[in-house]
Structure formats: structure tokens, C-alpha cells
């Protein structure tokens, strides 16, 4: 005669790992990763860096012409401004190589991520690895103020 003791009790069986379980775990993983990544667009502020005027006066004020060194450049928000005399041009601060922001460096704009250098007035590449010029940003000058058109 056999006597069952707690030591000889059969081990509980685990349910098998089924295709349904694998798909459920995979779906939850994908949903979690997608939620963590979010969208690839970052909301940006529409408030000008200088607290300037609105479209009612012809555009958003970015800076005063006097704030930009003659023959030099200035970064305001997402715009690189370059001045020659009273003429001001604008370019995007986004480096065309890897998307890092460029910094004003006199008559040039430098990307500290990988060393690309641009002409601040034309946006042309002076030194790679970037191969494409900076994107133009339309700006106008009115009453000594630089406005984003």
C-alpha cells in the first residue's frame, strides 16, 4: 500500500506556451514600445524669442537688425539670421547632415555634432560631412525689426 505524503505529491503542471500566448505578448510589447516612442514630431512654441509682434504687423518679430552683428549671424529660436549692412537673410538652424542645431559663429554657422560648417548668409556648406545647404527661412525687415514672413 502506498501512502501519499506531501513530499510525493505530483508537481503542478504549467500550461503550454501557445501561439496565442506568443501573439498576445508580442502585441503588448509592440504597443508598449509604440507608446514609449510617441510621435516623431515635437511640439514647438509659436511665441517669438523676443516677445515680438504678431502677423498683424507683417510677421513674427525675431530680432532687431541692430541685434545682429554686421557681417555676422545670430540664432533666434529655430532661425539663423545673417546680416550684411541693413540686409538680413534667414536659414533653418537644423544641420542637413544629422539634424543637430547649428550655432552662430561670426559669418558662419557651425554644427558641433559632427563638424559641418555653413556660410550664414547663403546657407552653403563650407565644410562637411553635410552635403546640402541650410534651408531658407523667409524674413523681411520693417522699421528696424526682422520679421519672419
C-alpha atoms as a PDB file:
ATOM      1  CA  UNK A   1       0.000   0.000   0.000  1.00  0.00           C
ATOM      2  CA  UNK A   2       1.271   3.452  -0.854  1.00  0.00           C
ATOM      3  CA  UNK A   3       0.763   6.419   1.279  1.00  0.00           C
ATOM      4  CA  UNK A   4       0.820   9.863  -0.251  1.00  0.00           C
ATOM      5  CA  UNK A   5       2.912  12.281   1.693  1.00  0.00           C
ATOM      6  CA  UNK A   6       3.362  15.952   0.923  1.00  0.00           C
ATOM      7  CA  UNK A   7       6.823  15.166  -0.475  1.00  0.00           C
ATOM      8  CA  UNK A   8       5.493  12.736  -3.026  1.00  0.00           C
ATOM      9  CA  UNK A   9       2.637  14.898  -4.343  1.00  0.00           C
ATOM     10  CA  UNK A  10       2.763  15.380  -8.109  1.00  0.00           C
ATOM     11  CA  UNK A  11       4.224  18.700  -9.290  1.00  0.00           C
ATOM     12  CA  UNK A  12       1.676  21.115 -10.727  1.00  0.00           C
ATOM     13  CA  UNK A  13       1.788  21.276 -14.499  1.00  0.00           C
ATOM     14  CA  UNK A  14       2.263  24.566 -16.296  1.00  0.00           C
ATOM     15  CA  UNK A  15       0.099  25.412 -19.243  1.00  0.00           C
ATOM     16  CA  UNK A  16       1.967  25.130 -22.531  1.00  0.00           C
ATOM     17  CA  UNK A  17       3.276  28.262 -24.264  1.00  0.00           C
ATOM     18  CA  UNK A  18       0.869  28.525 -27.156  1.00  0.00           C
ATOM     19  CA  UNK A  19       0.836  30.587 -30.318  1.00  0.00           C
ATOM     20  CA  UNK A  20      -1.986  32.625 -28.794  1.00  0.00           C
ATOM     21  CA  UNK A  21       0.196  33.467 -25.779  1.00  0.00           C
ATOM     22  CA  UNK A  22       3.128  34.400 -28.018  1.00  0.00           C
ATOM     23  CA  UNK A  23       0.966  36.715 -30.141  1.00  0.00           C
ATOM     24  CA  UNK A  24      -0.540  38.348 -27.065  1.00  0.00           C
ATOM     25  CA  UNK A  25       2.891  39.001 -25.534  1.00  0.00           C
ATOM     26  CA  UNK A  26       4.217  40.279 -28.877  1.00  0.00           C
ATOM     27  CA  UNK A  27       1.246  42.604 -29.330  1.00  0.00           C
ATOM     28  CA  UNK A  28       1.665  44.056 -25.855  1.00  0.00           C
ATOM     29  CA  UNK A  29       5.371  44.571 -26.489  1.00  0.00           C
ATOM     30  CA  UNK A  30       4.730  46.424 -29.753  1.00  0.00           C
ATOM     31  CA  UNK A  31       2.049  48.585 -28.114  1.00  0.00           C
ATOM     32  CA  UNK A  32       4.369  49.429 -25.212  1.00  0.00           C
ATOM     33  CA  UNK A  33       7.260  50.379 -27.499  1.00  0.00           C
ATOM     34  CA  UNK A  34       4.988  52.469 -29.727  1.00  0.00           C
ATOM     35  CA  UNK A  35       3.586  54.322 -26.724  1.00  0.00           C
ATOM     36  CA  UNK A  36       7.080  54.965 -25.364  1.00  0.00           C
ATOM     37  CA  UNK A  37       8.323  56.342 -28.674  1.00  0.00           C
ATOM     38  CA  UNK A  38       5.389  58.674 -29.193  1.00  0.00           C
ATOM     39  CA  UNK A  39       5.180  60.706 -32.370  1.00  0.00           C
ATOM     40  CA  UNK A  40       8.206  61.870 -34.310  1.00  0.00           C
ATOM     41  CA  UNK A  41       7.097  65.484 -34.192  1.00  0.00           C
ATOM     42  CA  UNK A  42       7.946  67.706 -31.293  1.00  0.00           C
ATOM     43  CA  UNK A  43       5.501  70.460 -30.477  1.00  0.00           C
ATOM     44  CA  UNK A  44       7.184  73.818 -30.795  1.00  0.00           C
ATOM     45  CA  UNK A  45       6.273  77.124 -29.317  1.00  0.00           C
ATOM     46  CA  UNK A  46       4.868  79.753 -31.624  1.00  0.00           C
ATOM     47  CA  UNK A  47       5.871  82.505 -29.240  1.00  0.00           C
ATOM     48  CA  UNK A  48       8.751  84.526 -30.691  1.00  0.00           C
ATOM     49  CA  UNK A  49      12.002  84.534 -28.749  1.00  0.00           C
ATOM     50  CA  UNK A  50      11.942  88.309 -28.371  1.00  0.00           C
ATOM     51  CA  UNK A  51       8.269  88.536 -27.438  1.00  0.00           C
ATOM     52  CA  UNK A  52       7.706  90.422 -30.669  1.00  0.00           C
ATOM     53  CA  UNK A  53       4.683  91.357 -32.671  1.00  0.00           C
ATOM     54  CA  UNK A  54       2.192  89.118 -34.418  1.00  0.00           C
ATOM     55  CA  UNK A  55       1.161  88.592 -38.019  1.00  0.00           C
ATOM     56  CA  UNK A  56      -0.936  91.774 -37.841  1.00  0.00           C
ATOM     57  CA  UNK A  57       2.247  93.783 -38.398  1.00  0.00           C
ATOM     58  CA  UNK A  58       3.526  91.612 -41.261  1.00  0.00           C
ATOM     59  CA  UNK A  59       5.038  88.621 -39.433  1.00  0.00           C
ATOM     60  CA  UNK A  60       6.528  87.436 -36.175  1.00  0.00           C
ATOM     61  CA  UNK A  61       9.360  89.633 -34.934  1.00  0.00           C
ATOM     62  CA  UNK A  62      12.521  87.609 -34.491  1.00  0.00           C
ATOM     63  CA  UNK A  63      15.034  90.318 -33.602  1.00  0.00           C
ATOM     64  CA  UNK A  64      16.067  93.897 -34.192  1.00  0.00           C
ATOM     65  CA  UNK A  65      18.514  94.464 -37.053  1.00  0.00           C
ATOM     66  CA  UNK A  66      20.840  96.145 -34.531  1.00  0.00           C
ATOM     67  CA  UNK A  67      20.965  92.875 -32.520  1.00  0.00           C
ATOM     68  CA  UNK A  68      22.702  91.086 -35.418  1.00  0.00           C
ATOM     69  CA  UNK A  69      26.379  91.983 -35.908  1.00  0.00           C
ATOM     70  CA  UNK A  70      27.044  93.485 -39.351  1.00  0.00           C
ATOM     71  CA  UNK A  71      28.767  90.726 -41.321  1.00  0.00           C
ATOM     72  CA  UNK A  72      27.789  88.239 -38.630  1.00  0.00           C
ATOM     73  CA  UNK A  73      24.978  85.975 -37.546  1.00  0.00           C
ATOM     74  CA  UNK A  74      22.577  85.310 -34.701  1.00  0.00           C
ATOM     75  CA  UNK A  75      20.411  82.309 -33.815  1.00  0.00           C
ATOM     76  CA  UNK A  76      16.869  83.150 -32.696  1.00  0.00           C
ATOM     77  CA  UNK A  77      14.777  80.095 -31.886  1.00  0.00           C
ATOM     78  CA  UNK A  78      14.873  77.885 -34.980  1.00  0.00           C
ATOM     79  CA  UNK A  79      16.173  80.601 -37.318  1.00  0.00           C
ATOM     80  CA  UNK A  80      19.751  81.583 -38.169  1.00  0.00           C
ATOM     81  CA  UNK A  81      19.834  85.274 -39.103  1.00  0.00           C
ATOM     82  CA  UNK A  82      22.757  86.778 -41.047  1.00  0.00           C
ATOM     83  CA  UNK A  83      23.240  90.489 -41.675  1.00  0.00           C
ATOM     84  CA  UNK A  84      25.131  92.434 -44.326  1.00  0.00           C
ATOM     85  CA  UNK A  85      24.527  96.156 -43.872  1.00  0.00           C
ATOM     86  CA  UNK A  86      20.770  96.521 -43.466  1.00  0.00           C
ATOM     87  CA  UNK A  87      20.006  93.317 -45.416  1.00  0.00           C
ATOM     88  CA  UNK A  88      19.091  90.270 -43.326  1.00  0.00           C
ATOM     89  CA  UNK A  89      18.575  86.689 -44.507  1.00  0.00           C
ATOM     90  CA  UNK A  90      17.285  83.674 -42.606  1.00  0.00           C
ATOM     91  CA  UNK A  91      18.058  79.966 -42.662  1.00  0.00           C
ATOM     92  CA  UNK A  92      16.972  76.984 -40.606  1.00  0.00           C
ATOM     93  CA  UNK A  93      19.247  76.065 -37.706  1.00  0.00           C
ATOM     94  CA  UNK A  94      18.804  72.354 -38.481  1.00  0.00           C
ATOM     95  CA  UNK A  95      22.029  70.839 -39.835  1.00  0.00           C
ATOM     96  CA  UNK A  96      21.339  68.962 -43.056  1.00  0.00           C
ATOM     97  CA  UNK A  97      23.715  66.155 -42.086  1.00  0.00           C
ATOM     98  CA  UNK A  98      22.153  64.745 -38.922  1.00  0.00           C
ATOM     99  CA  UNK A  99      19.592  67.287 -37.738  1.00  0.00           C
ATOM    100  CA  UNK A 100      21.588  68.856 -34.915  1.00  0.00           C
ATOM    101  CA  UNK A 101      21.172  72.602 -34.306  1.00  0.00           C
ATOM    102  CA  UNK A 102      23.865  74.869 -35.728  1.00  0.00           C
ATOM    103  CA  UNK A 103      25.395  77.723 -33.746  1.00  0.00           C
ATOM    104  CA  UNK A 104      26.158  81.225 -34.999  1.00  0.00           C
ATOM    105  CA  UNK A 105      29.903  81.703 -35.472  1.00  0.00           C
ATOM    106  CA  UNK A 106      30.507  85.128 -36.986  1.00  0.00           C
ATOM    107  CA  UNK A 107      29.868  84.964 -40.733  1.00  0.00           C
ATOM    108  CA  UNK A 108      29.454  81.187 -40.459  1.00  0.00           C
ATOM    109  CA  UNK A 109      27.286  78.655 -38.679  1.00  0.00           C
ATOM    110  CA  UNK A 110      28.889  75.627 -37.046  1.00  0.00           C
ATOM    111  CA  UNK A 111      27.393  72.260 -36.168  1.00  0.00           C
ATOM    112  CA  UNK A 112      29.006  70.912 -33.025  1.00  0.00           C
ATOM    113  CA  UNK A 113      27.705  67.365 -33.555  1.00  0.00           C
ATOM    114  CA  UNK A 114      29.896  66.346 -36.500  1.00  0.00           C
ATOM    115  CA  UNK A 115      31.785  69.484 -37.531  1.00  0.00           C
ATOM    116  CA  UNK A 116      29.797  70.720 -40.519  1.00  0.00           C
ATOM    117  CA  UNK A 117      30.186  74.422 -41.261  1.00  0.00           C
ATOM    118  CA  UNK A 118      27.909  76.689 -43.313  1.00  0.00           C
ATOM    119  CA  UNK A 119      28.063  80.198 -44.742  1.00  0.00           C
ATOM    120  CA  UNK A 120      25.486  82.032 -42.617  1.00  0.00           C
ATOM    121  CA  UNK A 121      24.485  84.388 -45.448  1.00  0.00           C
ATOM    122  CA  UNK A 122      23.983  81.823 -48.225  1.00  0.00           C
ATOM    123  CA  UNK A 123      23.460  78.642 -46.201  1.00  0.00           C
ATOM    124  CA  UNK A 124      26.065  76.915 -48.402  1.00  0.00           C
ATOM    125  CA  UNK A 125      28.162  74.085 -46.969  1.00  0.00           C
ATOM    126  CA  UNK A 126      31.734  75.211 -46.272  1.00  0.00           C
ATOM    127  CA  UNK A 127      32.885  72.006 -44.571  1.00  0.00           C
ATOM    128  CA  UNK A 128      31.272  68.543 -44.386  1.00  0.00           C
ATOM    129  CA  UNK A 129      30.108  65.967 -43.591  1.00  0.00           C
ATOM    130  CA  UNK A 130      26.947  67.886 -44.593  1.00  0.00           C
ATOM    131  CA  UNK A 131      26.393  67.996 -48.357  1.00  0.00           C
ATOM    132  CA  UNK A 132      23.189  70.067 -48.593  1.00  0.00           C
ATOM    133  CA  UNK A 133      22.790  73.778 -47.759  1.00  0.00           C
ATOM    134  CA  UNK A 134      20.686  75.023 -44.868  1.00  0.00           C
ATOM    135  CA  UNK A 135      17.015  75.518 -45.713  1.00  0.00           C
ATOM    136  CA  UNK A 136      15.997  79.126 -46.333  1.00  0.00           C
ATOM    137  CA  UNK A 137      13.576  80.864 -43.959  1.00  0.00           C
ATOM    138  CA  UNK A 138      11.735  83.873 -45.374  1.00  0.00           C
ATOM    139  CA  UNK A 139      12.381  87.032 -43.363  1.00  0.00           C
ATOM    140  CA  UNK A 140      11.741  90.714 -44.001  1.00  0.00           C
ATOM    141  CA  UNK A 141      12.987  93.910 -42.391  1.00  0.00           C
ATOM    142  CA  UNK A 142      10.466  96.553 -41.363  1.00  0.00           C
ATOM    143  CA  UNK A 143      11.171  99.585 -39.185  1.00  0.00           C
ATOM    144  CA  UNK A 144      14.432  98.083 -37.909  1.00  0.00           C
ATOM    145  CA  UNK A 145      12.815  94.766 -36.952  1.00  0.00           C
ATOM    146  CA  UNK A 146      13.445  91.375 -38.563  1.00  0.00           C
ATOM    147  CA  UNK A 147      10.134  89.621 -39.182  1.00  0.00           C
ATOM    148  CA  UNK A 148       9.558  86.013 -40.127  1.00  0.00           C
ATOM    149  CA  UNK A 149       7.396  86.206 -43.252  1.00  0.00           C
END
